[in-house]
C-alpha atoms as a PDB file:
ATOM      1  CA  MET A   1      23.018  20.594  17.436  1.00  0.00           C
ATOM      2  CA  ILE A   2      19.556  19.985  16.126  1.00  0.00           C
ATOM      3  CA  GLY A   3      18.737  16.640  14.546  1.00  0.00           C
ATOM      4  CA  ARG A   4      21.753  14.742  15.926  1.00  0.00           C
ATOM      5  CA  GLY A   5      19.838  12.575  18.398  1.00  0.00           C
ATOM      6  CA  PRO A   6      19.196   8.869  18.087  1.00  0.00           C
ATOM      7  CA  SER A   7      17.047   7.630  15.238  1.00  0.00           C
ATOM      8  CA  SER A   8      13.446   6.670  15.725  1.00  0.00           C
ATOM      9  CA  ARG A   9      12.750   2.954  15.982  1.00  0.00           C
ATOM     10  CA  LEU A  10      10.270   3.417  13.130  1.00  0.00           C
ATOM     11  CA  SER A  11      12.731   5.053  10.728  1.00  0.00           C
ATOM     12  CA  GLY A  12      12.222   3.333   7.412  1.00  0.00           C
ATOM     13  CA  PHE A  13       8.684   2.255   8.286  1.00  0.00           C
ATOM     14  CA  TRP A  14       6.846   5.596   8.459  1.00  0.00           C
ATOM     15  CA  ALA A  15       5.717   5.603   4.820  1.00  0.00           C
ATOM     16  CA  CYS A  16       4.723   1.954   5.091  1.00  0.00           C
ATOM     17  CA  LEU A  17       2.664   2.446   8.260  1.00  0.00           C
ATOM     18  CA  ILE A  18       1.073   5.793   7.457  1.00  0.00           C
ATOM     19  CA  GLY A  19       0.435   4.833   3.828  1.00  0.00           C
ATOM     20  CA  GLY A  20      -1.134   1.570   4.963  1.00  0.00           C
ATOM     21  CA  ALA A  21      -3.423   3.466   7.327  1.00  0.00           C
ATOM     22  CA  VAL A  22      -4.412   5.896   4.562  1.00  0.00           C
ATOM     23  CA  ILE A  23      -5.161   3.041   2.162  1.00  0.00           C
ATOM     24  CA  ALA A  24      -7.188   1.202   4.818  1.00  0.00           C
ATOM     25  CA  SER A  25      -9.177   4.403   5.407  1.00  0.00           C
ATOM     26  CA  LEU A  26      -9.649   4.818   1.658  1.00  0.00           C
ATOM     27  CA  LEU A  27     -11.002   1.278   1.404  1.00  0.00           C
ATOM     28  CA  MET A  28     -13.435   1.947   4.240  1.00  0.00           C
ATOM     29  CA  VAL A  29     -14.689   5.084   2.472  1.00  0.00           C
ATOM     30  CA  LEU A  30     -14.900   3.480  -0.992  1.00  0.00           C
ATOM     31  CA  ASP A  31     -16.488   0.280   0.361  1.00  0.00           C
ATOM     32  CA  PRO A  32     -15.680  -1.991  -2.607  1.00  0.00           C
ATOM     33  CA  ILE A  33     -17.585  -5.196  -3.293  1.00  0.00           C
ATOM     34  CA  THR A  34     -15.784  -8.167  -1.767  1.00  0.00           C
ATOM     35  CA  ARG A  35     -18.190 -11.027  -2.586  1.00  0.00           C
ATOM     36  CA  ALA A  36     -18.909 -12.172  -6.127  1.00  0.00           C
ATOM     37  CA  GLU A  37     -22.601 -12.577  -5.274  1.00  0.00           C
ATOM     38  CA  ASP A  38     -22.877  -8.815  -4.700  1.00  0.00           C
ATOM     39  CA  CYS A  39     -21.529  -7.880  -8.149  1.00  0.00           C
ATOM     40  CA  PRO A  40     -23.907  -6.209 -10.604  1.00  0.00           C
ATOM     41  CA  ASN A  41     -22.974  -8.776 -13.269  1.00  0.00           C
ATOM     42  CA  TYR A  42     -23.363 -11.836 -11.026  1.00  0.00           C
ATOM     43  CA  GLY A  43     -24.467 -14.816 -13.100  1.00  0.00           C
ATOM     44  CA  GLY A  44     -23.792 -13.011 -16.375  1.00  0.00           C
ATOM     45  CA  ASN A  45     -20.914 -12.150 -18.616  1.00  0.00           C
ATOM     46  CA  GLY A  46     -18.793  -9.043 -18.853  1.00  0.00           C
ATOM     47  CA  ASN A  47     -16.816  -6.909 -16.503  1.00  0.00           C
ATOM     48  CA  ALA A  48     -18.130  -4.800 -13.668  1.00  0.00           C
ATOM     49  CA  SER A  49     -16.426  -2.557 -11.189  1.00  0.00           C
ATOM     50  CA  ALA A  50     -16.095  -3.434  -7.526  1.00  0.00           C
ATOM     51  CA  PHE A  51     -16.409   0.279  -6.761  1.00  0.00           C
ATOM     52  CA  ASP A  52     -19.455   2.539  -7.054  1.00  0.00           C
ATOM     53  CA  ASN A  53     -17.403   4.793  -9.331  1.00  0.00           C
ATOM     54  CA  ALA A  54     -15.666   2.732 -12.036  1.00  0.00           C
ATOM     55  CA  ALA A  55     -12.836   5.299 -12.244  1.00  0.00           C
ATOM     56  CA  TRP A  56     -11.421   3.786  -9.049  1.00  0.00           C
ATOM     57  CA  ASP A  57     -10.533   0.674 -11.058  1.00  0.00           C
ATOM     58  CA  LEU A  58      -7.683   2.819 -12.404  1.00  0.00           C
ATOM     59  CA  TRP A  59      -7.063   5.114  -9.439  1.00  0.00           C
ATOM     60  CA  PHE A  60      -6.839   2.438  -6.746  1.00  0.00           C
ATOM     61  CA  PRO A  61      -3.868   0.579  -8.321  1.00  0.00           C
ATOM     62  CA  LEU A  62      -2.212   3.947  -8.980  1.00  0.00           C
ATOM     63  CA  VAL A  63      -2.598   4.896  -5.305  1.00  0.00           C
ATOM     64  CA  LEU A  64      -1.027   1.583  -4.315  1.00  0.00           C
ATOM     65  CA  LEU A  65       1.818   2.105  -6.771  1.00  0.00           C
ATOM     66  CA  GLY A  66       2.381   5.590  -5.342  1.00  0.00           C
ATOM     67  CA  TRP A  67       2.523   4.073  -1.859  1.00  0.00           C
ATOM     68  CA  LEU A  68       5.214   1.622  -2.998  1.00  0.00           C
ATOM     69  CA  VAL A  69       7.238   4.448  -4.534  1.00  0.00           C
ATOM     70  CA  LEU A  70       7.030   6.465  -1.297  1.00  0.00           C
ATOM     71  CA  VAL A  71       8.175   3.462   0.741  1.00  0.00           C
ATOM     72  CA  LEU A  72      11.103   3.009  -1.638  1.00  0.00           C
ATOM     73  CA  LEU A  73      12.000   6.705  -1.469  1.00  0.00           C
ATOM     74  CA  GLU A  74      11.927   6.650   2.319  1.00  0.00           C
ATOM     75  CA  GLN A  75      14.551   3.893   2.282  1.00  0.00           C
ATOM     76  CA  THR A  76      16.944   6.177   0.407  1.00  0.00           C
ATOM     77  CA  LEU A  77      16.725   9.076   2.873  1.00  0.00           C
ATOM     78  CA  PRO A  78      19.792   9.718   5.049  1.00  0.00           C
ATOM     79  CA  VAL A  79      17.671   9.997   8.199  1.00  0.00           C
ATOM     80  CA  THR A  80      16.528   6.403   7.680  1.00  0.00           C
ATOM     81  CA  ARG A  81      20.131   5.178   7.702  1.00  0.00           C
ATOM     82  CA  ARG A  82      21.382   7.357  10.577  1.00  0.00           C
ATOM     83  CA  HIS A  83      23.203   5.446  13.344  1.00  0.00           C
ATOM     84  CA  ARG A  84      22.557   2.052  11.724  1.00  0.00           C
ATOM     85  CA  GLY A  85      24.777  -0.592  10.226  1.00  0.00           C
ATOM     86  CA  GLY A  86      24.492  -2.037   6.737  1.00  0.00           C
ATOM     87  CA  THR A  87      22.666  -5.196   7.808  1.00  0.00           C
ATOM     88  CA  ASP A  88      20.084  -3.264   9.830  1.00  0.00           C
ATOM     89  CA  ILE A  89      19.452  -0.905   6.909  1.00  0.00           C
ATOM     90  CA  ALA A  90      19.018  -3.802   4.478  1.00  0.00           C
ATOM     91  CA  VAL A  91      16.671  -5.717   6.789  1.00  0.00           C
ATOM     92  CA  ARG A  92      14.531  -2.620   7.417  1.00  0.00           C
ATOM     93  CA  ALA A  93      14.338  -1.791   3.709  1.00  0.00           C
ATOM     94  CA  ALA A  94      13.521  -5.373   2.710  1.00  0.00           C
ATOM     95  CA  SER A  95      10.888  -5.632   5.435  1.00  0.00           C
ATOM     96  CA  ALA A  96       9.149  -2.361   4.547  1.00  0.00           C
ATOM     97  CA  LEU A  97       9.208  -3.028   0.809  1.00  0.00           C
ATOM     98  CA  SER A  98       8.086  -6.648   1.008  1.00  0.00           C
ATOM     99  CA  LEU A  99       5.303  -5.795   3.456  1.00  0.00           C
ATOM    100  CA  SER A 100       3.959  -3.028   1.227  1.00  0.00           C
ATOM    101  CA  VAL A 101       4.255  -5.157  -1.942  1.00  0.00           C
ATOM    102  CA  VAL A 102       2.431  -8.111  -0.375  1.00  0.00           C
ATOM    103  CA  ILE A 103      -0.354  -5.904   0.976  1.00  0.00           C
ATOM    104  CA  SER A 104      -0.681  -4.062  -2.349  1.00  0.00           C
ATOM    105  CA  CYS A 105      -0.847  -7.244  -4.385  1.00  0.00           C
ATOM    106  CA  CYS A 106      -3.411  -8.822  -2.066  1.00  0.00           C
ATOM    107  CA  LEU A 107      -5.583  -5.708  -2.136  1.00  0.00           C
ATOM    108  CA  VAL A 108      -5.387  -5.206  -5.901  1.00  0.00           C
ATOM    109  CA  LEU A 109      -6.073  -8.844  -6.688  1.00  0.00           C
ATOM    110  CA  ASN A 110      -8.936  -9.077  -4.219  1.00  0.00           C
ATOM    111  CA  VAL A 111     -10.677  -5.944  -5.476  1.00  0.00           C
ATOM    112  CA  SER A 112      -9.799  -6.281  -9.165  1.00  0.00           C
ATOM    113  CA  VAL A 113     -10.969  -9.814  -9.852  1.00  0.00           C
ATOM    114  CA  VAL A 114     -14.073 -10.088  -7.682  1.00  0.00           C
ATOM    115  CA  CYS A 115     -16.498  -8.857 -10.387  1.00  0.00           C
ATOM    116  CA  ARG A 116     -14.636 -10.036 -13.481  1.00  0.00           C
END
């Protein structure tokens, strides 16, 4: 029977880990401003983007929201729950969701408010 073997130790964490790696790669490519002194509006008033392309001020939070949705969807898949008890499922789901929420909030806040 195909697919009846033991579950992977990372079941429930694949979307969290792979999505986190993709977002880290995206941040390396986009290279946002992380110091207020480097902002184009430093010492003045108004809003500026931390990205070279201001459209990423909208797209970056949407990418992070999509990552959270994928982590949540992974927790509902039957393969994530295979051969596990209720407590183990709940701990894995809470861990993956809280880790992705904390990382998303820290990234969004850091990038969003640096030039505002």
